[in-house]
Amino acid sequence: MPPEYTITRRVEFAETDMAGIAHFTNFFRWMEEAEHAFFRSLGHSVSETRCGEDIGWPRLSASCEYLKPARFEDVLEVRMRVQEKGRKSLTLAFSFQKNGEEIARGQLVTVCCRCSPGRPLEAIPIPDEIRSKIDRR
């Protein structure tokens, strides 16, 4: 079974529009929030220094499909699973649930990169330590 991780969060007033509906851009923030929490649960970060090198996970693509609105004060479960793990990339699938019903789904494709100051990003293989923790999750 693919590694999964879930966070729970409440829709805040500042995240809504004049109709009290969560602005569409927040779903991307919530996907990122779940991704960051997932990496922390592994004892890592999406931005860390390993062996003297800065490692990050920039986006290759991001998408979200909206099925029903999320509103002010709704409690959402953001369920993330590793859909695919490549040599250098992760495809993360997200399901947004409200009261057990899916209201949106999204996807992030992210690439492990060396992020050296003053140099272009360079895709690198996912470090074995991170890869093995994802496998055990």
C-alpha atoms as a PDB file:
ATOM      1  CA  MET A   1       0.000   0.000   0.000  1.00  0.00           C
ATOM      2  CA  PRO A   2       1.355   3.487  -0.825  1.00  0.00           C
ATOM      3  CA  PRO A   3       2.501   5.658   2.089  1.00  0.00           C
ATOM      4  CA  GLU A   4      -0.318   7.865   3.381  1.00  0.00           C
ATOM      5  CA  TYR A   5      -0.551  10.839   5.697  1.00  0.00           C
ATOM      6  CA  THR A   6      -3.537  12.880   6.925  1.00  0.00           C
ATOM      7  CA  ILE A   7      -3.854  16.309   8.510  1.00  0.00           C
ATOM      8  CA  THR A   8      -7.002  17.937   9.850  1.00  0.00           C
ATOM      9  CA  ARG A   9      -7.581  21.659   9.591  1.00  0.00           C
ATOM     10  CA  ARG A  10     -10.383  24.186   9.913  1.00  0.00           C
ATOM     11  CA  VAL A  11     -11.183  26.666   7.134  1.00  0.00           C
ATOM     12  CA  GLU A  12     -10.333  30.108   8.518  1.00  0.00           C
ATOM     13  CA  PHE A  13     -12.278  33.293   7.727  1.00  0.00           C
ATOM     14  CA  ALA A  14      -9.251  34.835   5.977  1.00  0.00           C
ATOM     15  CA  GLU A  15      -9.211  31.859   3.583  1.00  0.00           C
ATOM     16  CA  THR A  16     -12.702  32.580   2.253  1.00  0.00           C
ATOM     17  CA  ASP A  17     -14.228  34.927  -0.283  1.00  0.00           C
ATOM     18  CA  MET A  18     -17.237  37.241   0.186  1.00  0.00           C
ATOM     19  CA  ALA A  19     -19.590  34.243  -0.078  1.00  0.00           C
ATOM     20  CA  GLY A  20     -17.779  32.437   2.769  1.00  0.00           C
ATOM     21  CA  ILE A  21     -16.359  29.827   0.376  1.00  0.00           C
ATOM     22  CA  ALA A  22     -12.683  28.843   0.588  1.00  0.00           C
ATOM     23  CA  HIS A  23     -10.726  30.534  -2.186  1.00  0.00           C
ATOM     24  CA  PHE A  24      -9.445  27.976  -4.686  1.00  0.00           C
ATOM     25  CA  THR A  25      -5.778  28.868  -4.112  1.00  0.00           C
ATOM     26  CA  ASN A  26      -5.952  27.673  -0.514  1.00  0.00           C
ATOM     27  CA  PHE A  27      -6.269  24.067  -1.644  1.00  0.00           C
ATOM     28  CA  PHE A  28      -2.722  24.338  -3.010  1.00  0.00           C
ATOM     29  CA  ARG A  29      -1.528  25.744   0.339  1.00  0.00           C
ATOM     30  CA  TRP A  30      -3.277  22.894   2.160  1.00  0.00           C
ATOM     31  CA  MET A  31      -1.636  20.305  -0.109  1.00  0.00           C
ATOM     32  CA  GLU A  32       1.714  21.863   0.687  1.00  0.00           C
ATOM     33  CA  GLU A  33       0.871  21.933   4.411  1.00  0.00           C
ATOM     34  CA  ALA A  34       0.152  18.174   4.325  1.00  0.00           C
ATOM     35  CA  GLU A  35       3.331  17.502   2.315  1.00  0.00           C
ATOM     36  CA  HIS A  36       5.454  19.435   4.827  1.00  0.00           C
ATOM     37  CA  ALA A  37       3.836  17.600   7.759  1.00  0.00           C
ATOM     38  CA  PHE A  38       4.501  14.279   5.991  1.00  0.00           C
ATOM     39  CA  PHE A  39       8.207  15.095   5.576  1.00  0.00           C
ATOM     40  CA  ARG A  40       8.409  16.201   9.242  1.00  0.00           C
ATOM     41  CA  SER A  41       6.815  12.882  10.265  1.00  0.00           C
ATOM     42  CA  LEU A  42       9.754  11.184   8.522  1.00  0.00           C
ATOM     43  CA  GLY A  43      12.225  13.352  10.460  1.00  0.00           C
ATOM     44  CA  HIS A  44      13.022  15.487   7.420  1.00  0.00           C
ATOM     45  CA  SER A  45      12.013  18.741   5.756  1.00  0.00           C
ATOM     46  CA  VAL A  46      11.249  19.853   2.214  1.00  0.00           C
ATOM     47  CA  SER A  47      14.198  22.216   2.643  1.00  0.00           C
ATOM     48  CA  GLU A  48      17.221  20.822   4.444  1.00  0.00           C
ATOM     49  CA  THR A  49      20.993  20.642   4.342  1.00  0.00           C
ATOM     50  CA  ARG A  50      22.452  17.168   3.826  1.00  0.00           C
ATOM     51  CA  CYS A  51      26.192  16.551   3.630  1.00  0.00           C
ATOM     52  CA  GLY A  52      26.785  20.294   3.199  1.00  0.00           C
ATOM     53  CA  GLU A  53      24.320  20.612   0.301  1.00  0.00           C
ATOM     54  CA  ASP A  54      20.943  22.344   0.313  1.00  0.00           C
ATOM     55  CA  ILE A  55      18.217  19.944  -0.818  1.00  0.00           C
ATOM     56  CA  GLY A  56      14.703  21.011  -1.823  1.00  0.00           C
ATOM     57  CA  TRP A  57      11.611  19.693  -3.580  1.00  0.00           C
ATOM     58  CA  PRO A  58      10.445  22.224  -6.226  1.00  0.00           C
ATOM     59  CA  ARG A  59       7.222  21.576  -8.146  1.00  0.00           C
ATOM     60  CA  LEU A  60       7.105  20.077 -11.581  1.00  0.00           C
ATOM     61  CA  SER A  61       3.308  20.325 -11.698  1.00  0.00           C
ATOM     62  CA  ALA A  62       0.316  21.049  -9.458  1.00  0.00           C
ATOM     63  CA  SER A  63      -3.382  20.513 -10.066  1.00  0.00           C
ATOM     64  CA  CYS A  64      -6.653  20.494  -8.164  1.00  0.00           C
ATOM     65  CA  GLU A  65     -10.195  19.466  -9.077  1.00  0.00           C
ATOM     66  CA  TYR A  66     -13.016  21.005  -7.043  1.00  0.00           C
ATOM     67  CA  LEU A  67     -16.115  18.890  -6.431  1.00  0.00           C
ATOM     68  CA  LYS A  68     -17.942  20.827  -3.684  1.00  0.00           C
ATOM     69  CA  PRO A  69     -17.144  24.044  -1.796  1.00  0.00           C
ATOM     70  CA  ALA A  70     -15.343  24.266   1.515  1.00  0.00           C
ATOM     71  CA  ARG A  71     -16.770  26.998   3.724  1.00  0.00           C
ATOM     72  CA  PHE A  72     -15.724  29.061   6.718  1.00  0.00           C
ATOM     73  CA  GLU A  73     -15.456  26.869   9.861  1.00  0.00           C
ATOM     74  CA  ASP A  74     -15.573  23.566   7.917  1.00  0.00           C
ATOM     75  CA  VAL A  75     -13.213  20.954   9.310  1.00  0.00           C
ATOM     76  CA  LEU A  76     -11.309  19.271   6.499  1.00  0.00           C
ATOM     77  CA  GLU A  77      -9.202  16.155   6.367  1.00  0.00           C
ATOM     78  CA  VAL A  78      -6.404  16.519   3.849  1.00  0.00           C
ATOM     79  CA  ARG A  79      -5.331  12.997   2.914  1.00  0.00           C
ATOM     80  CA  MET A  80      -2.038  12.657   1.099  1.00  0.00           C
ATOM     81  CA  ARG A  81      -0.573   9.528  -0.407  1.00  0.00           C
ATOM     82  CA  VAL A  82       2.577   8.871  -2.363  1.00  0.00           C
ATOM     83  CA  GLN A  83       1.085   7.831  -5.675  1.00  0.00           C
ATOM     84  CA  GLU A  84       4.400   7.273  -7.405  1.00  0.00           C
ATOM     85  CA  LYS A  85       8.013   7.368  -6.309  1.00  0.00           C
ATOM     86  CA  GLY A  86      10.501   7.790  -9.126  1.00  0.00           C
ATOM     87  CA  ARG A  87      14.266   7.876  -8.872  1.00  0.00           C
ATOM     88  CA  LYS A  88      14.250  11.679  -8.458  1.00  0.00           C
ATOM     89  CA  SER A  89      10.577  12.593  -8.090  1.00  0.00           C
ATOM     90  CA  LEU A  90       7.456  12.027  -6.027  1.00  0.00           C
ATOM     91  CA  THR A  91       3.889  12.198  -7.275  1.00  0.00           C
ATOM     92  CA  LEU A  92       1.629  13.061  -4.338  1.00  0.00           C
ATOM     93  CA  ALA A  93      -2.140  12.573  -4.550  1.00  0.00           C
ATOM     94  CA  PHE A  94      -4.478  14.501  -2.247  1.00  0.00           C
ATOM     95  CA  SER A  95      -8.096  14.008  -1.237  1.00  0.00           C
ATOM     96  CA  PHE A  96      -9.946  16.739   0.661  1.00  0.00           C
ATOM     97  CA  GLN A  97     -12.687  15.278   2.845  1.00  0.00           C
ATOM     98  CA  LYS A  98     -15.493  17.034   4.726  1.00  0.00           C
ATOM     99  CA  ASN A  99     -17.605  14.812   6.984  1.00  0.00           C
ATOM    100  CA  GLY A 100     -16.268  11.764   5.124  1.00  0.00           C
ATOM    101  CA  GLU A 101     -17.204  13.130   1.691  1.00  0.00           C
ATOM    102  CA  GLU A 102     -14.591  14.051  -0.894  1.00  0.00           C
ATOM    103  CA  ILE A 103     -14.942  17.718  -1.859  1.00  0.00           C
ATOM    104  CA  ALA A 104     -11.723  18.129  -3.893  1.00  0.00           C
ATOM    105  CA  ARG A 105      -8.734  16.177  -5.119  1.00  0.00           C
ATOM    106  CA  GLY A 106      -5.317  17.328  -6.169  1.00  0.00           C
ATOM    107  CA  GLN A 107      -1.855  16.278  -7.213  1.00  0.00           C
ATOM    108  CA  LEU A 108       1.690  17.588  -6.828  1.00  0.00           C
ATOM    109  CA  VAL A 109       4.679  16.304  -8.746  1.00  0.00           C
ATOM    110  CA  THR A 110       7.843  17.328  -6.976  1.00  0.00           C
ATOM    111  CA  VAL A 111      11.501  16.728  -7.778  1.00  0.00           C
ATOM    112  CA  CYS A 112      14.373  16.290  -5.342  1.00  0.00           C
ATOM    113  CA  CYS A 113      16.935  18.961  -6.215  1.00  0.00           C
ATOM    114  CA  ARG A 114      20.265  20.332  -5.136  1.00  0.00           C
ATOM    115  CA  CYS A 115      19.597  24.011  -4.450  1.00  0.00           C
ATOM    116  CA  SER A 116      23.050  25.588  -4.317  1.00  0.00           C
ATOM    117  CA  PRO A 117      23.038  29.391  -3.986  1.00  0.00           C
ATOM    118  CA  GLY A 118      23.987  31.089  -7.252  1.00  0.00           C
ATOM    119  CA  ARG A 119      23.625  27.882  -9.272  1.00  0.00           C
ATOM    120  CA  PRO A 120      20.719  26.433 -11.242  1.00  0.00           C
ATOM    121  CA  LEU A 121      18.567  23.779  -9.608  1.00  0.00           C
ATOM    122  CA  GLU A 122      19.868  20.279 -10.264  1.00  0.00           C
ATOM    123  CA  ALA A 123      17.625  17.215 -10.004  1.00  0.00           C
ATOM    124  CA  ILE A 124      19.260  14.489  -7.907  1.00  0.00           C
ATOM    125  CA  PRO A 125      18.237  10.979  -6.843  1.00  0.00           C
ATOM    126  CA  ILE A 126      16.067  10.899  -3.717  1.00  0.00           C
ATOM    127  CA  PRO A 127      18.521  10.250  -0.856  1.00  0.00           C
ATOM    128  CA  ASP A 128      18.387   6.613   0.320  1.00  0.00           C
ATOM    129  CA  GLU A 129      17.573   7.666   3.895  1.00  0.00           C
ATOM    130  CA  ILE A 130      14.447   9.526   2.750  1.00  0.00           C
ATOM    131  CA  ARG A 131      13.502   6.858   0.185  1.00  0.00           C
ATOM    132  CA  SER A 132      13.661   4.072   2.793  1.00  0.00           C
ATOM    133  CA  LYS A 133      11.523   6.057   5.278  1.00  0.00           C
ATOM    134  CA  ILE A 134       8.879   6.649   2.615  1.00  0.00           C
ATOM    135  CA  ASP A 135       8.894   2.898   1.868  1.00  0.00           C
ATOM    136  CA  ARG A 136       8.351   2.061   5.571  1.00  0.00           C
ATOM    137  CA  ARG A 137       5.566   4.613   6.134  1.00  0.00           C
END
